[in-house]
């Protein structure tokens, strides 16, 4: 069997390419024993042991490749709300995960006019590198189209931002500097975002 075919699965937790699966059910994939342990409270509800007759050729016949949709927490800044809020965003794999390609966030509900532009924020306060870069999704033509000012960004910057941000802005967090997947964004990412919104022109 082609060794590359064994690595066409993504970790259930972090989407990293992996060839390891739950030995009990052979349906959930994990990049490390720690991720299996971490996911066990959720996974055990769906973990059904493989029948003994199916154990005979485990190495040569791994379970079929299933492209998994993952869900991560993101930060949403909207024109309608004074405060940002945490939302859940579905991310679909693109290509094969063994190629190290980042999943694509499904943001159509926030940007119905088409695919938004993106900015990758790699530096935090005082210019120090972010261990987990932030991926900012926005519509650059929102101001020209007459979209309202983003009240959440206006509030987080106390109205002092150099650029007027209009329309929705969604921020995802990469799971590492290699930018091959996403992890949950949260309120601890707001200081770096505030500094960025203040400085961006």
Protein backbone atom coordinates (compact mmCIF):
# COMPACT_ATOMS: atom_id res chain seq x y z
CA UNK A 1 0.00 0.00 0.00
CA UNK A 2 1.17 3.51 -0.79
CA UNK A 3 2.51 5.12 2.41
CA UNK A 4 1.13 8.51 1.36
CA UNK A 5 -2.39 7.08 1.31
CA UNK A 6 -2.09 6.30 5.00
CA UNK A 7 -1.50 9.98 5.84
CA UNK A 8 -4.52 11.38 4.00
CA UNK A 9 -6.48 11.75 7.22
CA UNK A 10 -6.68 14.67 9.58
CA UNK A 11 -6.55 14.69 13.34
CA UNK A 12 -10.05 15.00 14.79
CA UNK A 13 -8.87 17.83 17.05
CA UNK A 14 -6.31 19.86 15.10
CA UNK A 15 -6.58 18.78 11.45
CA UNK A 16 -2.91 17.86 11.20
CA UNK A 17 -2.21 15.02 8.77
CA UNK A 18 -1.98 11.69 10.56
CA UNK A 19 -1.94 7.96 10.01
CA UNK A 20 -3.02 7.00 13.55
CA UNK A 21 -6.56 6.14 14.48
CA UNK A 22 -8.51 4.97 17.49
CA UNK A 23 -7.59 1.30 17.78
CA UNK A 24 -10.98 0.49 19.25
CA UNK A 25 -13.26 1.75 16.45
CA UNK A 26 -10.76 2.68 13.72
CA UNK A 27 -12.96 5.61 12.70
CA UNK A 28 -11.48 8.58 14.58
CA UNK A 29 -8.06 9.90 13.62
CA UNK A 30 -5.57 11.54 16.00
CA UNK A 31 -2.08 12.94 15.56
CA UNK A 32 -1.04 12.03 19.09
CA UNK A 33 -2.13 9.96 22.09
CA UNK A 34 -2.71 13.25 23.92
CA UNK A 35 -5.34 14.33 21.39
CA UNK A 36 -7.09 10.95 21.66
CA UNK A 37 -7.12 11.31 25.44
CA UNK A 38 -8.36 14.88 25.20
CA UNK A 39 -11.17 13.93 22.80
CA UNK A 40 -12.12 10.71 24.61
CA UNK A 41 -15.04 12.19 26.63
CA UNK A 42 -16.73 13.15 23.34
CA UNK A 43 -15.47 10.25 21.22
CA UNK A 44 -16.42 7.47 23.61
CA UNK A 45 -20.11 8.17 22.96
CA UNK A 46 -19.65 7.22 19.31
CA UNK A 47 -16.79 4.72 19.64
CA UNK A 48 -18.07 1.28 18.61
CA UNK A 49 -15.49 -1.51 18.72
CA UNK A 50 -14.56 -3.11 15.41
CA UNK A 51 -15.80 -6.68 15.02
CA UNK A 52 -13.03 -9.31 15.47
CA UNK A 53 -13.27 -10.35 11.82
CA UNK A 54 -12.34 -6.82 10.80
CA UNK A 55 -9.06 -6.87 12.78
CA UNK A 56 -7.26 -9.27 10.46
CA UNK A 57 -5.67 -6.72 8.12
CA UNK A 58 -5.54 -3.44 10.05
CA UNK A 59 -2.30 -2.05 8.64
CA UNK A 60 -3.01 -2.76 4.98
CA UNK A 61 -6.60 -1.52 4.99
CA UNK A 62 -7.14 1.61 7.06
CA UNK A 63 -10.65 3.03 7.22
CA UNK A 64 -11.73 5.00 4.16
CA UNK A 65 -10.66 8.60 3.79
CA UNK A 66 -13.30 10.99 5.03
CA UNK A 67 -12.80 14.71 4.69
CA UNK A 68 -13.78 16.12 8.04
CA UNK A 69 -15.41 19.45 8.63
CA UNK A 70 -14.09 21.03 11.79
CA UNK A 71 -15.67 23.72 13.89
CA UNK A 72 -13.62 26.44 15.57
CA UNK A 73 -14.40 29.53 17.60
CA UNK A 74 -13.86 32.84 15.83
CA UNK A 75 -14.34 36.48 16.78
CA UNK A 76 -17.06 38.42 14.97
CA UNK A 77 -17.08 42.23 14.80
CA UNK A 78 -20.31 43.60 13.33
CA UNK A 79 -21.73 47.02 12.48
CA UNK A 80 -24.89 46.14 14.43
CA UNK A 81 -23.29 45.31 17.78
CA UNK A 82 -21.15 47.35 20.18
CA UNK A 83 -19.10 44.35 21.28
CA UNK A 84 -17.39 41.57 19.44
CA UNK A 85 -18.68 38.08 20.08
CA UNK A 86 -17.47 34.53 19.73
CA UNK A 87 -19.03 32.51 16.93
CA UNK A 88 -18.58 28.98 15.67
CA UNK A 89 -17.19 28.64 12.14
CA UNK A 90 -17.18 25.45 10.10
CA UNK A 91 -13.96 24.80 8.16
CA UNK A 92 -13.77 22.41 5.21
CA UNK A 93 -10.55 20.72 4.11
CA UNK A 94 -9.18 21.73 0.73
CA UNK A 95 -7.22 19.24 -1.33
CA UNK A 96 -5.66 16.49 0.73
CA UNK A 97 -4.65 17.28 4.26
CA UNK A 98 -1.34 15.49 3.75
CA UNK A 99 -0.41 18.44 1.54
CA UNK A 100 -0.61 20.69 4.61
CA UNK A 101 -3.29 22.94 3.17
CA UNK A 102 -5.33 24.97 5.63
CA UNK A 103 -9.06 24.22 5.84
CA UNK A 104 -11.36 26.84 4.28
CA UNK A 105 -13.67 28.66 6.70
CA UNK A 106 -17.30 28.73 5.61
CA UNK A 107 -18.07 32.46 5.94
CA UNK A 108 -20.82 32.92 3.33
CA UNK A 109 -23.34 33.97 5.98
CA UNK A 110 -21.14 36.91 6.98
CA UNK A 111 -20.00 37.89 3.48
CA UNK A 112 -22.93 37.16 1.14
CA UNK A 113 -21.49 39.41 -1.59
CA UNK A 114 -18.61 37.01 -2.23
CA UNK A 115 -15.25 35.89 -0.96
CA UNK A 116 -13.77 38.42 1.47
CA UNK A 117 -10.17 39.60 1.57
CA UNK A 118 -7.84 38.43 4.30
CA UNK A 119 -4.98 39.75 6.37
CA UNK A 120 -2.70 37.57 8.46
CA UNK A 121 -1.67 39.25 11.69
CA UNK A 122 1.67 37.85 12.86
CA UNK A 123 2.67 40.49 15.42
CA UNK A 124 1.01 41.42 18.66
CA UNK A 125 1.46 44.31 21.04
CA UNK A 126 4.86 46.01 20.85
CA UNK A 127 5.69 44.07 17.69
CA UNK A 128 6.33 40.72 19.37
CA UNK A 129 5.54 37.73 17.14
CA UNK A 130 2.26 35.97 17.77
CA UNK A 131 2.67 32.28 18.49
CA UNK A 132 -0.72 31.73 16.89
CA UNK A 133 -1.20 34.21 14.02
CA UNK A 134 -4.64 35.71 13.54
CA UNK A 135 -6.49 35.49 10.22
CA UNK A 136 -8.68 38.55 9.62
CA UNK A 137 -11.49 38.27 7.04
CA UNK A 138 -13.15 41.48 5.82
CA UNK A 139 -14.67 43.14 2.77
CA UNK A 140 -12.40 45.95 1.49
CA UNK A 141 -15.18 47.49 -0.61
CA UNK A 142 -17.67 47.71 2.27
CA UNK A 143 -17.13 51.47 2.71
CA UNK A 144 -17.64 52.18 -1.01
CA UNK A 145 -20.79 50.06 -1.01
CA UNK A 146 -22.21 52.13 1.82
CA UNK A 147 -21.97 49.49 4.53
CA UNK A 148 -22.32 50.89 8.04
CA UNK A 149 -19.30 51.52 10.24
CA UNK A 150 -18.34 48.49 12.29
CA UNK A 151 -19.46 49.55 15.76
CA UNK A 152 -17.59 46.75 17.54
CA UNK A 153 -14.25 47.83 16.02
CA UNK A 154 -15.10 51.48 16.63
CA UNK A 155 -15.68 50.63 20.30
CA UNK A 156 -12.57 48.46 20.77
CA UNK A 157 -10.42 51.27 19.33
CA UNK A 158 -12.35 54.07 21.09
CA UNK A 159 -12.95 55.58 17.66
CA UNK A 160 -9.24 56.25 17.13
CA UNK A 161 -8.60 53.76 14.31
CA UNK A 162 -6.76 55.28 11.33
CA UNK A 163 -8.98 53.35 8.90
CA UNK A 164 -12.77 53.26 9.03
CA UNK A 165 -13.77 49.61 9.22
CA UNK A 166 -17.16 48.89 7.67
CA UNK A 167 -19.18 45.74 7.36
CA UNK A 168 -18.49 42.53 9.26
CA UNK A 169 -15.01 41.35 10.24
CA UNK A 170 -14.34 37.73 11.23
CA UNK A 171 -11.11 36.71 12.95
CA UNK A 172 -9.85 33.14 13.10
CA UNK A 173 -6.74 31.92 14.88
CA UNK A 174 -4.17 29.67 13.26
CA UNK A 175 -3.09 26.65 15.30
CA UNK A 176 0.58 27.52 14.82
CA UNK A 177 3.04 29.54 12.81
CA UNK A 178 2.87 27.08 9.89
CA UNK A 179 -0.78 28.12 9.32
CA UNK A 180 -2.05 24.66 8.42
CA UNK A 181 -5.21 24.74 10.49
CA UNK A 182 -7.22 26.75 12.97
CA UNK A 183 -7.72 26.66 16.71
CA UNK A 184 -10.22 28.53 18.86
CA UNK A 185 -9.94 32.31 18.97
CA UNK A 186 -11.05 34.09 22.11
CA UNK A 187 -11.08 37.25 24.17
CA UNK A 188 -7.35 36.92 24.90
CA UNK A 189 -6.78 37.79 21.22
CA UNK A 190 -8.55 41.15 21.51
CA UNK A 191 -5.54 43.25 22.66
CA UNK A 192 -3.51 42.29 19.57
CA UNK A 193 -6.53 42.96 17.35
CA UNK A 194 -7.19 46.32 18.96
CA UNK A 195 -3.57 47.37 18.39
CA UNK A 196 -3.81 46.22 14.78
CA UNK A 197 -7.08 48.04 14.09
CA UNK A 198 -5.60 51.22 15.59
CA UNK A 199 -2.47 51.06 13.42
CA UNK A 200 -3.88 49.77 10.11
CA UNK A 201 -4.21 52.43 7.38
